[in-house]
PDB file of N, CA and C in Angstrom:
ATOM      1  N   MET A   1     151.402 148.830 163.716  1.00  0.00           N
ATOM      2  CA  MET A   1     150.830 147.510 163.573  1.00  0.00           C
ATOM      3  C   MET A   1     151.906 146.473 163.873  1.00  0.00           C
ATOM      4  N   ARG A   2     151.572 145.507 164.688  1.00  0.00           N
ATOM      5  CA  ARG A   2     152.508 144.446 165.038  1.00  0.00           C
ATOM      6  C   ARG A   2     152.238 143.234 164.166  1.00  0.00           C
ATOM      7  N   VAL A   3     153.288 142.576 163.719  1.00  0.00           N
ATOM      8  CA  VAL A   3     153.157 141.379 162.900  1.00  0.00           C
ATOM      9  C   VAL A   3     153.413 140.156 163.775  1.00  0.00           C
ATOM     10  N   PHE A   4     152.512 139.201 163.731  1.00  0.00           N
ATOM     11  CA  PHE A   4     152.643 137.957 164.484  1.00  0.00           C
ATOM     12  C   PHE A   4     152.987 136.837 163.505  1.00  0.00           C
ATOM     13  N   THR A   5     154.053 136.113 163.778  1.00  0.00           N
ATOM     14  CA  THR A   5     154.452 135.011 162.901  1.00  0.00           C
ATOM     15  C   THR A   5     153.648 133.765 163.260  1.00  0.00           C
ATOM     16  N   PRO A   6     153.465 132.863 162.304  1.00  0.00           N
ATOM     17  CA  PRO A   6     152.735 131.623 162.594  1.00  0.00           C
ATOM     18  C   PRO A   6     153.372 130.814 163.728  1.00  0.00           C
ATOM     19  N   SER A   7     154.692 130.774 163.777  1.00  0.00           N
ATOM     20  CA  SER A   7     155.343 130.004 164.851  1.00  0.00           C
ATOM     21  C   SER A   7     155.125 130.662 166.212  1.00  0.00           C
ATOM     22  N   GLU A   8     155.055 131.975 166.236  1.00  0.00           N
ATOM     23  CA  GLU A   8     154.798 132.703 167.476  1.00  0.00           C
ATOM     24  C   GLU A   8     153.384 132.415 167.992  1.00  0.00           C
ATOM     25  N   ILE A   9     152.429 132.322 167.093  1.00  0.00           N
ATOM     26  CA  ILE A   9     151.040 132.031 167.472  1.00  0.00           C
ATOM     27  C   ILE A   9     150.900 130.579 167.912  1.00  0.00           C
ATOM     28  N   ALA A  10     151.591 129.671 167.249  1.00  0.00           N
ATOM     29  CA  ALA A  10     151.483 128.246 167.561  1.00  0.00           C
ATOM     30  C   ALA A  10     152.232 127.867 168.835  1.00  0.00           C
ATOM     31  N   GLU A  11     153.080 128.746 169.335  1.00  0.00           N
ATOM     32  CA  GLU A  11     153.901 128.431 170.509  1.00  0.00           C
ATOM     33  C   GLU A  11     153.057 128.081 171.738  1.00  0.00           C
ATOM     34  N   HIS A  12     151.983 128.801 171.999  1.00  0.00           N
ATOM     35  CA  HIS A  12     151.139 128.564 173.169  1.00  0.00           C
ATOM     36  C   HIS A  12     149.822 127.887 172.788  1.00  0.00           C
ATOM     37  N   ASN A  13     149.716 127.379 171.573  1.00  0.00           N
ATOM     38  CA  ASN A  13     148.485 126.763 171.092  1.00  0.00           C
ATOM     39  C   ASN A  13     148.823 125.463 170.386  1.00  0.00           C
ATOM     40  N   GLN A  14     147.798 124.698 170.073  1.00  0.00           N
ATOM     41  CA  GLN A  14     148.015 123.435 169.383  1.00  0.00           C
ATOM     42  C   GLN A  14     148.445 123.649 167.936  1.00  0.00           C
ATOM     43  N   SER A  15     147.975 124.709 167.333  1.00  0.00           N
ATOM     44  CA  SER A  15     148.352 125.024 165.955  1.00  0.00           C
ATOM     45  C   SER A  15     148.162 126.520 165.720  1.00  0.00           C
ATOM     46  N   LYS A  16     148.718 127.007 164.636  1.00  0.00           N
ATOM     47  CA  LYS A  16     148.569 128.435 164.328  1.00  0.00           C
ATOM     48  C   LYS A  16     147.119 128.771 163.990  1.00  0.00           C
ATOM     49  N   TYR A  17     146.414 127.827 163.387  1.00  0.00           N
ATOM     50  CA  TYR A  17     145.016 128.070 163.019  1.00  0.00           C
ATOM     51  C   TYR A  17     144.144 128.188 164.270  1.00  0.00           C
ATOM     52  N   LEU A  18     144.374 127.302 165.229  1.00  0.00           N
ATOM     53  CA  LEU A  18     143.615 127.354 166.465  1.00  0.00           C
ATOM     54  C   LEU A  18     143.938 128.635 167.232  1.00  0.00           C
ATOM     55  N   GLY A  19     145.188 129.058 167.216  1.00  0.00           N
ATOM     56  CA  GLY A  19     145.572 130.293 167.888  1.00  0.00           C
ATOM     57  C   GLY A  19     144.869 131.508 167.310  1.00  0.00           C
ATOM     58  N   VAL A  20     144.784 131.570 165.994  1.00  0.00           N
ATOM     59  CA  VAL A  20     144.101 132.695 165.339  1.00  0.00           C
ATOM     60  C   VAL A  20     142.596 132.628 165.618  1.00  0.00           C
ATOM     61  N   PHE A  21     142.047 131.422 165.624  1.00  0.00           N
ATOM     62  CA  PHE A  21     140.622 131.252 165.915  1.00  0.00           C
ATOM     63  C   PHE A  21     140.296 131.726 167.329  1.00  0.00           C
ATOM     64  N   VAL A  22     141.116 131.350 168.302  1.00  0.00           N
ATOM     65  CA  VAL A  22     140.909 131.759 169.689  1.00  0.00           C
ATOM     66  C   VAL A  22     141.063 133.272 169.819  1.00  0.00           C
ATOM     67  N   ALA A  23     142.041 133.846 169.135  1.00  0.00           N
ATOM     68  CA  ALA A  23     142.244 135.296 169.184  1.00  0.00           C
ATOM     69  C   ALA A  23     141.037 136.032 168.605  1.00  0.00           C
ATOM     70  N   ALA A  24     140.449 135.507 167.539  1.00  0.00           N
ATOM     71  CA  ALA A  24     139.270 136.142 166.948  1.00  0.00           C
ATOM     72  C   ALA A  24     138.086 136.099 167.917  1.00  0.00           C
ATOM     73  N   LYS A  25     137.891 134.956 168.565  1.00  0.00           N
ATOM     74  CA  LYS A  25     136.812 134.848 169.551  1.00  0.00           C
ATOM     75  C   LYS A  25     137.057 135.797 170.729  1.00  0.00           C
ATOM     76  N   TYR A  26     138.319 135.891 171.168  1.00  0.00           N
ATOM     77  CA  TYR A  26     138.653 136.771 172.287  1.00  0.00           C
ATOM     78  C   TYR A  26     138.465 138.241 171.898  1.00  0.00           C
ATOM     79  N   ALA A  27     138.792 138.600 170.662  1.00  0.00           N
ATOM     80  CA  ALA A  27     138.594 139.980 170.196  1.00  0.00           C
ATOM     81  C   ALA A  27     137.104 140.330 170.194  1.00  0.00           C
ATOM     82  N   ARG A  28     136.252 139.369 169.846  1.00  0.00           N
ATOM     83  CA  ARG A  28     134.804 139.612 169.897  1.00  0.00           C
ATOM     84  C   ARG A  28     134.340 139.850 171.326  1.00  0.00           C
ATOM     85  N   GLU A  29     134.907 139.083 172.264  1.00  0.00           N
ATOM     86  CA  GLU A  29     134.559 139.274 173.676  1.00  0.00           C
ATOM     87  C   GLU A  29     135.037 140.640 174.168  1.00  0.00           C
ATOM     88  N   LEU A  30     136.243 141.048 173.771  1.00  0.00           N
ATOM     89  CA  LEU A  30     136.740 142.371 174.144  1.00  0.00           C
ATOM     90  C   LEU A  30     135.854 143.476 173.582  1.00  0.00           C
ATOM     91  N   ASN A  31     135.328 143.259 172.388  1.00  0.00           N
ATOM     92  CA  ASN A  31     134.476 144.252 171.745  1.00  0.00           C
ATOM     93  C   ASN A  31     133.170 144.454 172.510  1.00  0.00           C
ATOM     94  N   MET A  32     132.710 143.420 173.221  1.00  0.00           N
ATOM     95  CA  MET A  32     131.453 143.523 173.955  1.00  0.00           C
ATOM     96  C   MET A  32     131.626 144.203 175.312  1.00  0.00           C
ATOM     97  N   LEU A  33     132.871 144.348 175.793  1.00  0.00           N
ATOM     98  CA  LEU A  33     133.114 145.012 177.072  1.00  0.00           C
ATOM     99  C   LEU A  33     132.913 146.519 176.931  1.00  0.00           C
ATOM    100  N   PRO A  34     132.539 147.161 178.029  1.00  0.00           N
ATOM    101  CA  PRO A  34     132.496 148.630 177.994  1.00  0.00           C
ATOM    102  C   PRO A  34     133.894 149.192 177.718  1.00  0.00           C
ATOM    103  N   ARG A  35     133.977 150.288 177.045  1.00  0.00           N
ATOM    104  CA  ARG A  35     135.270 150.857 176.626  1.00  0.00           C
ATOM    105  C   ARG A  35     136.201 151.164 177.795  1.00  0.00           C
ATOM    106  N   ASP A  36     135.674 151.518 178.946  1.00  0.00           N
ATOM    107  CA  ASP A  36     136.545 151.850 180.078  1.00  0.00           C
ATOM    108  C   ASP A  36     137.096 150.616 180.798  1.00  0.00           C
ATOM    109  N   ASN A  37     136.576 149.417 180.499  1.00  0.00           N
ATOM    110  CA  ASN A  37     137.044 148.185 181.140  1.00  0.00           C
ATOM    111  C   ASN A  37     138.009 147.378 180.284  1.00  0.00           C
ATOM    112  N   LEU A  38     138.446 147.892 179.149  1.00  0.00           N
ATOM    113  CA  LEU A  38     139.308 147.129 178.263  1.00  0.00           C
ATOM    114  C   LEU A  38     140.724 147.027 178.817  1.00  0.00           C
ATOM    115  N   PRO A  39     141.310 145.821 178.810  1.00  0.00           N
ATOM    116  CA  PRO A  39     142.686 145.657 179.294  1.00  0.00           C
ATOM    117  C   PRO A  39     143.704 146.027 178.233  1.00  0.00           C
ATOM    118  N   LEU A  40     144.955 146.111 178.607  1.00  0.00           N
ATOM    119  CA  LEU A  40     146.119 146.279 177.725  1.00  0.00           C
ATOM    120  C   LEU A  40     146.256 147.657 177.082  1.00  0.00           C
ATOM    121  N   GLY A  41     145.575 148.660 177.544  1.00  0.00           N
ATOM    122  CA  GLY A  41     145.757 149.998 176.978  1.00  0.00           C
ATOM    123  C   GLY A  41     144.704 150.362 175.955  1.00  0.00           C
ATOM    124  N   GLU A  42     144.581 151.609 175.670  1.00  0.00           N
ATOM    125  CA  GLU A  42     143.526 152.117 174.796  1.00  0.00           C
ATOM    126  C   GLU A  42     143.955 152.293 173.349  1.00  0.00           C
ATOM    127  N   GLU A  43     145.232 152.378 173.064  1.00  0.00           N
ATOM    128  CA  GLU A  43     145.675 152.769 171.731  1.00  0.00           C
ATOM    129  C   GLU A  43     145.737 151.615 170.732  1.00  0.00           C
ATOM    130  N   LYS A  44     145.649 150.372 171.184  1.00  0.00           N
ATOM    131  CA  LYS A  44     145.795 149.224 170.282  1.00  0.00           C
ATOM    132  C   LYS A  44     144.436 148.739 169.786  1.00  0.00           C
ATOM    133  N   LYS A  45     144.452 148.152 168.595  1.00  0.00           N
ATOM    134  CA  LYS A  45     143.240 147.547 168.055  1.00  0.00           C
ATOM    135  C   LYS A  45     142.889 146.300 168.860  1.00  0.00           C
ATOM    136  N   LEU A  46     141.624 145.924 168.815  1.00  0.00           N
ATOM    137  CA  LEU A  46     141.184 144.751 169.558  1.00  0.00           C
ATOM    138  C   LEU A  46     141.834 143.477 169.052  1.00  0.00           C
ATOM    139  N   SER A  47     142.028 143.365 167.751  1.00  0.00           N
ATOM    140  CA  SER A  47     142.659 142.163 167.206  1.00  0.00           C
ATOM    141  C   SER A  47     144.113 142.057 167.653  1.00  0.00           C
ATOM    142  N   THR A  48     144.815 143.184 167.733  1.00  0.00           N
ATOM    143  CA  THR A  48     146.196 143.180 168.206  1.00  0.00           C
ATOM    144  C   THR A  48     146.250 142.807 169.681  1.00  0.00           C
ATOM    145  N   ARG A  49     145.345 143.349 170.473  1.00  0.00           N
ATOM    146  CA  ARG A  49     145.290 143.010 171.893  1.00  0.00           C
ATOM    147  C   ARG A  49     145.026 141.519 172.081  1.00  0.00           C
ATOM    148  N   ALA A  50     144.102 140.982 171.295  1.00  0.00           N
ATOM    149  CA  ALA A  50     143.750 139.570 171.415  1.00  0.00           C
ATOM    150  C   ALA A  50     144.921 138.682 171.008  1.00  0.00           C
ATOM    151  N   LEU A  51     145.589 139.011 169.916  1.00  0.00           N
ATOM    152  CA  LEU A  51     146.740 138.207 169.494  1.00  0.00           C
ATOM    153  C   LEU A  51     147.883 138.288 170.500  1.00  0.00           C
ATOM    154  N   GLU A  52     148.097 139.446 171.096  1.00  0.00           N
ATOM    155  CA  GLU A  52     149.131 139.570 172.127  1.00  0.00           C
ATOM    156  C   GLU A  52     148.797 138.700 173.329  1.00  0.00           C
ATOM    157  N   ALA A  53     147.536 138.684 173.727  1.00  0.00           N
ATOM    158  CA  ALA A  53     147.128 137.874 174.871  1.00  0.00           C
ATOM    159  C   ALA A  53     147.260 136.382 174.572  1.00  0.00           C
ATOM    160  N   VAL A  54     146.911 135.971 173.358  1.00  0.00           N
ATOM    161  CA  VAL A  54     147.005 134.558 172.989  1.00  0.00           C
ATOM    162  C   VAL A  54     148.460 134.124 172.870  1.00  0.00           C
ATOM    163  N   THR A  55     149.302 134.943 172.248  1.00  0.00           N
ATOM    164  CA  THR A  55     150.701 134.549 172.072  1.00  0.00           C
ATOM    165  C   THR A  55     151.496 134.586 173.372  1.00  0.00           C
ATOM    166  N   SER A  56     151.053 135.364 174.349  1.00  0.00           N
ATOM    167  CA  SER A  56     151.760 135.403 175.627  1.00  0.00           C
ATOM    168  C   SER A  56     151.232 134.355 176.612  1.00  0.00           C
ATOM    169  N   GLY A  57     150.180 133.647 176.235  1.00  0.00           N
ATOM    170  CA  GLY A  57     149.634 132.606 177.098  1.00  0.00           C
ATOM    171  C   GLY A  57     148.678 133.111 178.156  1.00  0.00           C
ATOM    172  N   GLN A  58     148.196 134.334 178.037  1.00  0.00           N
ATOM    173  CA  GLN A  58     147.276 134.906 179.022  1.00  0.00           C
ATOM    174  C   GLN A  58     145.855 134.379 178.870  1.00  0.00           C
ATOM    175  N   VAL A  59     145.521 133.888 177.699  1.00  0.00           N
ATOM    176  CA  VAL A  59     144.162 133.405 177.446  1.00  0.00           C
ATOM    177  C   VAL A  59     144.144 131.891 177.640  1.00  0.00           C
ATOM    178  N   GLU A  60     143.277 131.432 178.534  1.00  0.00           N
ATOM    179  CA  GLU A  60     143.092 130.002 178.736  1.00  0.00           C
ATOM    180  C   GLU A  60     141.792 129.593 178.061  1.00  0.00           C
ATOM    181  N   TYR A  61     141.825 128.483 177.367  1.00  0.00           N
ATOM    182  CA  TYR A  61     140.643 128.003 176.664  1.00  0.00           C
ATOM    183  C   TYR A  61     140.648 126.493 176.655  1.00  0.00           C
ATOM    184  N   ARG A  62     139.490 125.926 176.333  1.00  0.00           N
ATOM    185  CA  ARG A  62     139.396 124.483 176.148  1.00  0.00           C
ATOM    186  C   ARG A  62     138.475 124.228 174.970  1.00  0.00           C
ATOM    187  N   LEU A  63     138.734 123.157 174.283  1.00  0.00           N
ATOM    188  CA  LEU A  63     137.916 122.782 173.138  1.00  0.00           C
ATOM    189  C   LEU A  63     136.749 121.926 173.602  1.00  0.00           C
ATOM    190  N   VAL A  64     135.580 122.245 173.090  1.00  0.00           N
ATOM    191  CA  VAL A  64     134.371 121.512 173.430  1.00  0.00           C
ATOM    192  C   VAL A  64     133.801 120.950 172.142  1.00  0.00           C
ATOM    193  N   ARG A  65     133.549 119.655 172.139  1.00  0.00           N
ATOM    194  CA  ARG A  65     132.967 119.045 170.946  1.00  0.00           C
ATOM    195  C   ARG A  65     131.525 119.513 170.778  1.00  0.00           C
ATOM    196  N   ARG A  66     131.155 119.709 169.545  1.00  0.00           N
ATOM    197  CA  ARG A  66     129.771 120.107 169.251  1.00  0.00           C
ATOM    198  C   ARG A  66     128.832 118.955 169.499  1.00  0.00           C
ATOM    199  N   ARG A  67     127.660 119.296 169.998  1.00  0.00           N
ATOM    200  CA  ARG A  67     126.627 118.275 170.155  1.00  0.00           C
ATOM    201  C   ARG A  67     125.862 118.178 168.848  1.00  0.00           C
ATOM    202  N   ARG A  68     125.623 116.992 168.443  1.00  0.00           N
ATOM    203  CA  ARG A  68     124.822 116.802 167.233  1.00  0.00           C
ATOM    204  C   ARG A  68     123.357 116.816 167.609  1.00  0.00           C
ATOM    205  N   LEU A  69     122.591 117.589 166.849  1.00  0.00           N
ATOM    206  CA  LEU A  69     121.153 117.609 167.073  1.00  0.00           C
ATOM    207  C   LEU A  69     120.543 116.368 166.466  1.00  0.00           C
ATOM    208  N   GLU A  70     119.777 115.658 167.267  1.00  0.00           N
ATOM    209  CA  GLU A  70     119.148 114.448 166.763  1.00  0.00           C
ATOM    210  C   GLU A  70     117.842 114.803 166.077  1.00  0.00           C
ATOM    211  N   MET A  71     117.617 114.199 164.944  1.00  0.00           N
ATOM    212  CA  MET A  71     116.385 114.424 164.204  1.00  0.00           C
ATOM    213  C   MET A  71     115.268 113.615 164.855  1.00  0.00           C
ATOM    214  N   GLU A  72     114.119 114.229 165.019  1.00  0.00           N
ATOM    215  CA  GLU A  72     112.984 113.552 165.657  1.00  0.00           C
ATOM    216  C   GLU A  72     112.156 112.831 164.640  1.00  0.00           C
TER     217      GLU A  72
END
């Protein structure tokens, strides 16, 4: 198991919280891929793969503001 420090996660992100949030979303996306198409090797957990990708800057993302539903 690899340990990721908060400063390591925040290095390529706006904050450590946003980095962990993006890694969690990316791990969910990796989970939906077929097992033979997974990147970064087979022996690592999806959360570890996602955190490695986020901390190395391989994952590009953008923040989108939520739309408010207007009441009719």
